[in-house]
Amino acid sequence: MKTRIFIIGSGVVGAATGEGFLKAGHEVTFIDVSQPRIAELAARGFDVRSEIDLSDEPESLLFLTLPTPNDGHRYDLSAFSAGTAAVGRALAGSPTRHTVVVRSTVPPGTTEGLVKSTLEEHSGMVAGEGFGLASNPEFLRAVSAAEDFAHPWMTVVASRDPQTVERLRDLLSPFGGELRTFADPAQAEFIKAAHNIYNATKISFWNEMWLVAQKLGVDLDPIAATVARSAEGSINPEYGIRGGAPYGGVCLPKDTQGFLGFADRIGVDMPLLSAVVETNDRLAAIVSHEVEEAAHAAADQLRGPAGAARVVVGSAQERESA
């Protein structure tokens, strides 16, 4: 079934998203404020406009694919906020119920925070009643955005409204790949941020190892290729993803600590590995404190009338190890 779609922000992500929907047979309009970008898309034969007008439109999906660059250690949401406000004003002029879908990469909580409040302020409507709201983060690489949209390996959809989730499932599932749905948009936003941060961390990890390899005069490439196939963290998707459980056992503490000393002796600073050890030590202390408090609470509950402890219960918590 053909769906009416608006792409709000028509850069790399917006263009790939809109073009993908067009090829799938949907009716798509691109919205952008950049005149060169508008001219470029128009030259490609797309319906592109500088403003969004929903006054005579049927029920539509409005995808926010606006830029959210970083400004130091924060996201710059100025352009994103301005585009969202424009969508809110367009909703106010429409008698039809539309659904706004946040596809931009934003901090967790943005959809139900900034986006919801901005849309409600400028539309005079209430989210969930006057308009639908959802999150559908993109997983597109700049060099292959169109191909990645056409053949996704993972699609994530989140909305408080089950009908909105199903509508987006129907729209996106024909493209293939694994599709996961959530009721809380913050989960979808968190997934996208963690996705990128995980990739960045893996790159930095191997760059840090490359510095050690350079110092030793060995070729890192076959080492990295072998570890990528031997390490359970690389080949087992379930390994290491339990939050709140520090690593333990023998091998992981021994080698993280020992390799730091080895690197120091050969004159290589390893800030990422140092942070790995520091984070694990901090979490181990937190867990130990929580276990102690739980044990004291349990002992207090089991004390007899005279106040003497009748039973002391101890437990050991297993940790991930090599």
Protein backbone atom coordinates (compact mmCIF):
# COMPACT_ATOMS: atom_id res chain seq x y z
CA MET A 1 0.00 0.00 0.00
CA LYS A 2 1.34 3.44 -0.95
CA THR A 3 2.20 5.70 2.00
CA ARG A 4 2.44 9.50 1.96
CA ILE A 5 5.85 10.44 3.34
CA PHE A 6 7.65 13.70 4.09
CA ILE A 7 11.40 13.83 4.64
CA ILE A 8 12.26 16.78 6.88
CA GLY A 9 15.94 17.50 6.29
CA SER A 10 17.30 16.15 3.02
CA GLY A 11 21.01 15.62 3.55
CA VAL A 12 22.74 12.26 3.16
CA VAL A 13 20.39 10.40 5.51
CA GLY A 14 17.23 12.16 4.34
CA ALA A 15 18.01 11.74 0.66
CA ALA A 16 18.81 8.03 1.04
CA THR A 17 15.68 7.48 3.16
CA GLY A 18 13.36 9.32 0.78
CA GLU A 19 14.83 7.77 -2.34
CA GLY A 20 14.51 4.32 -0.80
CA PHE A 21 10.84 4.89 -0.06
CA LEU A 22 10.29 6.24 -3.58
CA LYS A 23 11.78 3.12 -5.12
CA ALA A 24 9.47 1.05 -2.92
CA GLY A 25 6.48 2.81 -4.50
CA HIS A 26 5.61 5.39 -1.85
CA GLU A 27 4.81 9.07 -2.43
CA VAL A 28 7.64 11.18 -1.05
CA THR A 29 8.24 14.91 -0.64
CA PHE A 30 11.61 16.24 0.50
CA ILE A 31 11.82 19.35 2.70
CA ASP A 32 15.02 21.36 3.10
CA VAL A 33 16.08 24.97 3.76
CA SER A 34 19.29 24.79 1.72
CA GLN A 35 18.72 26.23 -1.75
CA PRO A 36 21.66 24.32 -3.33
CA ARG A 37 20.31 21.11 -1.83
CA ILE A 38 16.81 21.87 -3.10
CA ALA A 39 18.19 22.53 -6.59
CA GLU A 40 20.18 19.30 -6.53
CA LEU A 41 17.19 17.17 -5.53
CA ALA A 42 14.92 18.93 -8.02
CA ALA A 43 17.45 18.22 -10.78
CA ARG A 44 17.14 14.53 -9.89
CA GLY A 45 13.39 14.74 -10.46
CA PHE A 46 12.30 14.65 -6.82
CA ASP A 47 9.43 16.62 -5.29
CA VAL A 48 11.35 18.99 -3.04
CA ARG A 49 10.12 22.08 -1.17
CA SER A 50 11.52 24.68 1.22
CA GLU A 51 8.50 24.54 3.56
CA ILE A 52 6.13 21.84 4.73
CA ASP A 53 2.40 22.31 4.15
CA LEU A 54 0.02 19.65 5.43
CA SER A 55 -3.24 21.55 4.89
CA ASP A 56 -4.40 19.33 2.00
CA GLU A 57 -2.41 16.19 2.72
CA PRO A 58 -3.76 12.75 3.65
CA GLU A 59 -2.53 10.92 6.73
CA SER A 60 1.26 11.04 6.42
CA LEU A 61 4.51 9.93 8.01
CA LEU A 62 6.88 12.82 8.69
CA PHE A 63 10.48 11.63 9.07
CA LEU A 64 12.81 13.99 10.94
CA THR A 65 16.23 13.50 9.32
CA LEU A 66 17.70 16.79 10.49
CA PRO A 67 21.38 17.37 11.36
CA THR A 68 22.47 16.91 15.01
CA PRO A 69 26.23 17.59 14.98
CA ASN A 70 28.28 17.71 18.15
CA ASP A 71 29.46 20.96 19.68
CA GLY A 72 32.22 19.83 21.98
CA HIS A 73 30.73 17.35 24.46
CA ARG A 74 27.13 17.97 23.53
CA TYR A 75 24.75 17.54 20.60
CA ASP A 76 23.90 20.74 18.74
CA LEU A 77 20.13 20.45 18.37
CA SER A 78 19.51 23.95 17.05
CA ALA A 79 18.71 22.93 13.45
CA PHE A 80 16.84 19.87 14.71
CA SER A 81 14.72 22.02 17.04
CA ALA A 82 13.95 24.56 14.31
CA GLY A 83 12.84 21.81 11.92
CA THR A 84 10.70 20.19 14.59
CA ALA A 85 9.01 23.52 15.34
CA ALA A 86 8.23 23.94 11.63
CA VAL A 87 6.61 20.51 11.63
CA GLY A 88 4.55 21.50 14.67
CA ARG A 89 3.25 24.59 12.87
CA ALA A 90 2.37 22.46 9.84
CA LEU A 91 0.45 20.03 12.06
CA ALA A 92 -1.59 22.95 13.40
CA GLY A 93 -2.82 23.70 9.89
CA SER A 94 -3.89 20.15 9.08
CA PRO A 95 -7.25 18.54 9.82
CA THR A 96 -5.63 15.09 9.45
CA ARG A 97 -3.75 13.09 12.07
CA HIS A 98 -0.13 12.59 11.03
CA THR A 99 2.76 10.69 12.62
CA VAL A 100 6.17 12.23 13.32
CA VAL A 101 9.09 9.78 13.21
CA VAL A 102 12.47 10.79 14.67
CA ARG A 103 15.18 9.30 12.47
CA SER A 104 18.00 11.69 13.38
CA THR A 105 20.60 10.58 15.93
CA VAL A 106 19.61 12.31 19.18
CA PRO A 107 20.32 11.91 22.92
CA PRO A 108 18.12 9.30 24.64
CA GLY A 109 14.88 10.91 25.78
CA THR A 110 14.71 13.49 22.96
CA THR A 111 11.64 12.07 21.22
CA GLU A 112 9.46 12.21 24.32
CA GLY A 113 11.22 15.33 25.60
CA LEU A 114 12.26 18.03 23.16
CA VAL A 115 10.33 16.70 20.15
CA LYS A 116 7.06 16.04 21.95
CA SER A 117 7.04 19.37 23.80
CA THR A 118 8.03 21.34 20.69
CA LEU A 119 5.37 19.71 18.54
CA GLU A 120 2.70 20.20 21.19
CA GLU A 121 3.67 23.85 21.68
CA HIS A 122 3.55 24.75 17.99
CA SER A 123 0.62 22.56 16.97
CA GLY A 124 -1.68 23.11 19.93
CA MET A 125 -2.24 19.34 19.94
CA VAL A 126 -1.43 16.53 22.35
CA ALA A 127 0.94 13.74 21.33
CA GLY A 128 -0.87 10.43 20.97
CA GLU A 129 -4.13 12.22 20.20
CA GLY A 130 -3.57 14.97 17.64
CA PHE A 131 -0.48 13.33 16.16
CA GLY A 132 1.52 10.13 16.46
CA LEU A 133 5.12 9.99 17.65
CA ALA A 134 7.82 7.38 17.09
CA SER A 135 11.55 6.77 16.88
CA ASN A 136 13.22 4.95 13.97
CA PRO A 137 16.98 5.63 14.16
CA GLU A 138 19.02 5.26 11.00
CA PHE A 139 21.99 2.90 10.63
CA LEU A 140 23.36 4.32 7.38
CA ARG A 141 27.01 4.75 6.46
CA ALA A 142 27.75 7.96 4.56
CA VAL A 143 29.63 6.15 1.77
CA SER A 144 26.83 3.65 1.14
CA ALA A 145 23.68 5.27 2.56
CA ALA A 146 21.34 4.35 -0.31
CA GLU A 147 22.51 0.73 -0.34
CA ASP A 148 22.27 0.47 3.46
CA PHE A 149 18.70 1.77 3.40
CA ALA A 150 17.68 -0.62 0.65
CA HIS A 151 19.27 -3.61 2.42
CA PRO A 152 19.31 -2.94 6.19
CA TRP A 153 20.87 -5.45 8.57
CA MET A 154 18.94 -3.99 11.53
CA THR A 155 15.81 -1.82 11.82
CA VAL A 156 14.63 -0.41 15.15
CA VAL A 157 11.18 1.07 15.77
CA ALA A 158 9.80 2.45 19.03
CA SER A 159 6.53 4.12 20.02
CA ARG A 160 4.14 4.20 22.95
CA ASP A 161 1.35 3.52 20.44
CA PRO A 162 1.21 -0.15 19.33
CA GLN A 163 -0.65 0.84 16.15
CA THR A 164 2.16 3.22 15.19
CA VAL A 165 4.70 0.46 15.76
CA GLU A 166 2.74 -1.89 13.51
CA ARG A 167 2.33 0.77 10.83
CA LEU A 168 6.09 1.33 10.73
CA ARG A 169 6.70 -2.42 10.80
CA ASP A 170 4.50 -2.81 7.71
CA LEU A 171 6.35 0.05 5.99
CA LEU A 172 9.89 -1.07 6.81
CA SER A 173 9.80 -4.89 6.98
CA PRO A 174 9.70 -5.35 3.17
CA PHE A 175 13.26 -3.98 3.02
CA GLY A 176 14.47 -7.06 4.92
CA GLY A 177 16.94 -7.47 7.77
CA GLU A 178 16.15 -7.94 11.43
CA LEU A 179 13.46 -5.64 12.84
CA ARG A 180 13.20 -4.99 16.58
CA THR A 181 10.43 -2.98 18.23
CA PHE A 182 10.23 -1.17 21.56
CA ALA A 183 7.56 0.72 23.49
CA ASP A 184 9.97 3.38 24.83
CA PRO A 185 11.51 5.69 22.19
CA ALA A 186 14.44 6.36 24.54
CA GLN A 187 15.52 2.74 24.08
CA ALA A 188 15.71 3.17 20.31
CA GLU A 189 17.65 6.43 20.70
CA PHE A 190 20.03 4.76 23.16
CA ILE A 191 20.58 1.86 20.75
CA LYS A 192 21.72 4.22 17.99
CA ALA A 193 24.11 6.12 20.25
CA ALA A 194 25.57 2.92 21.76
CA HIS A 195 25.85 1.42 18.26
CA ASN A 196 28.12 4.24 17.09
CA ILE A 197 30.06 4.46 20.35
CA TYR A 198 30.73 0.71 20.29
CA ASN A 199 32.13 0.97 16.77
CA ALA A 200 34.30 3.94 17.76
CA THR A 201 35.58 2.09 20.82
CA LYS A 202 36.53 -0.98 18.79
CA ILE A 203 38.47 1.18 16.34
CA SER A 204 40.29 2.95 19.16
CA PHE A 205 41.03 -0.41 20.83
CA TRP A 206 42.81 -1.72 17.76
CA ASN A 207 44.58 1.58 17.19
CA GLU A 208 45.93 1.33 20.73
CA MET A 209 47.08 -2.22 20.00
CA TRP A 210 48.62 -0.96 16.75
CA LEU A 211 50.85 1.38 18.77
CA VAL A 212 52.12 -1.61 20.76
CA ALA A 213 52.65 -3.62 17.57
CA GLN A 214 54.61 -0.74 16.03
CA LYS A 215 56.86 -0.61 19.08
CA LEU A 216 57.44 -4.37 18.91
CA GLY A 217 58.01 -4.34 15.15
CA VAL A 218 55.24 -6.88 14.39
CA ASP A 219 52.43 -6.76 11.85
CA LEU A 220 49.12 -6.15 13.61
CA ASP A 221 46.84 -7.13 10.70
CA PRO A 222 47.08 -10.94 11.05
CA ILE A 223 46.95 -10.60 14.84
CA ALA A 224 43.75 -8.55 14.72
CA ALA A 225 42.21 -10.85 12.11
CA THR A 226 42.91 -13.88 14.31
CA VAL A 227 41.60 -12.28 17.51
CA ALA A 228 38.44 -11.23 15.66
CA ARG A 229 37.79 -14.95 15.14
CA SER A 230 39.13 -16.26 18.48
CA ALA A 231 37.74 -13.81 21.05
CA GLU A 232 34.30 -14.72 22.33
CA GLY A 233 33.54 -11.02 22.54
CA SER A 234 33.76 -10.90 18.74
CA ILE A 235 31.96 -14.08 17.77
CA ASN A 236 29.27 -14.40 20.50
CA PRO A 237 26.65 -11.60 20.40
CA GLU A 238 25.55 -12.45 23.97
CA TYR A 239 29.01 -12.22 25.50
CA GLY A 240 29.70 -9.31 27.83
CA ILE A 241 26.40 -7.48 27.37
CA ARG A 242 25.01 -8.01 30.89
CA GLY A 243 25.06 -4.59 32.51
CA GLY A 244 26.03 -4.47 36.18
CA ALA A 245 28.37 -7.48 36.13
CA PRO A 246 32.10 -6.66 36.19
CA TYR A 247 34.51 -9.13 34.63
CA GLY A 248 36.36 -11.43 37.00
CA GLY A 249 37.88 -14.89 37.10
CA VAL A 250 41.60 -15.27 36.44
CA CYS A 251 42.41 -14.36 32.83
CA LEU A 252 40.68 -11.04 32.29
CA PRO A 253 41.98 -9.23 35.40
CA LYS A 254 45.44 -10.77 34.95
CA ASP A 255 45.88 -9.78 31.32
CA THR A 256 44.34 -6.32 31.48
CA GLN A 257 46.52 -5.40 34.45
CA GLY A 258 49.61 -7.24 33.23
CA PHE A 259 49.48 -5.82 29.71
CA LEU A 260 49.29 -2.29 31.11
CA GLY A 261 52.60 -2.89 32.88
CA PHE A 262 54.10 -4.46 29.76
CA ALA A 263 53.06 -1.50 27.61
CA ASP A 264 54.48 0.93 30.15
CA ARG A 265 57.83 -0.87 30.07
CA ILE A 266 58.08 -0.53 26.28
CA GLY A 267 56.99 3.11 26.44
CA VAL A 268 53.41 2.90 25.11
CA ASP A 269 50.61 4.77 26.87
CA MET A 270 47.28 2.88 26.79
CA PRO A 271 44.52 5.22 28.03
CA LEU A 272 41.69 3.06 26.71
CA LEU A 273 42.94 -0.10 28.46
CA SER A 274 43.53 1.95 31.62
CA ALA A 275 39.91 3.13 31.43
CA VAL A 276 38.73 -0.48 30.99
CA VAL A 277 40.43 -1.49 34.23
CA GLU A 278 39.28 1.63 36.08
CA THR A 279 35.65 1.15 34.99
CA ASN A 280 35.67 -2.49 36.04
CA ASP A 281 37.21 -1.69 39.44
CA ARG A 282 34.59 1.00 40.03
CA LEU A 283 31.71 -1.31 39.13
CA ALA A 284 33.14 -4.15 41.25
CA ALA A 285 33.18 -1.80 44.24
CA ILE A 286 29.56 -0.78 43.60
CA VAL A 287 28.41 -4.40 43.30
CA SER A 288 30.35 -5.41 46.43
CA HIS A 289 28.71 -2.60 48.39
CA GLU A 290 25.24 -3.61 47.17
CA VAL A 291 25.86 -7.26 48.09
CA GLU A 292 27.01 -6.20 51.57
CA GLU A 293 23.92 -4.08 52.10
CA ALA A 294 21.66 -6.91 50.91
CA ALA A 295 23.40 -9.36 53.26
CA HIS A 296 22.98 -7.01 56.23
CA ALA A 297 19.31 -6.49 55.40
CA ALA A 298 18.74 -10.24 55.13
CA ALA A 299 20.51 -10.85 58.45
CA ASP A 300 18.41 -8.17 60.17
CA GLN A 301 15.21 -9.82 58.96
CA LEU A 302 16.33 -13.21 60.32
CA ARG A 303 17.30 -12.04 63.79
CA GLY A 304 15.43 -13.62 66.66
CA PRO A 305 13.35 -11.79 69.30
CA ALA A 306 16.39 -11.37 71.54
CA GLY A 307 18.35 -9.71 68.74
CA ALA A 308 20.79 -12.59 68.22
CA ALA A 309 21.59 -13.46 64.64
CA ARG A 310 20.14 -16.85 63.87
CA VAL A 311 21.34 -17.32 60.29
CA VAL A 312 24.08 -15.75 58.20
CA VAL A 313 23.72 -16.22 54.49
CA GLY A 314 26.68 -15.70 52.15
CA SER A 315 26.75 -15.78 48.39
CA ALA A 316 29.31 -15.50 45.67
CA GLN A 317 28.50 -13.81 42.37
CA GLU A 318 29.97 -15.32 39.25
CA ARG A 319 31.81 -13.00 36.91
CA GLU A 320 32.69 -13.33 33.24
CA SER A 321 36.14 -14.78 32.70
CA ALA A 322 38.18 -16.16 29.87
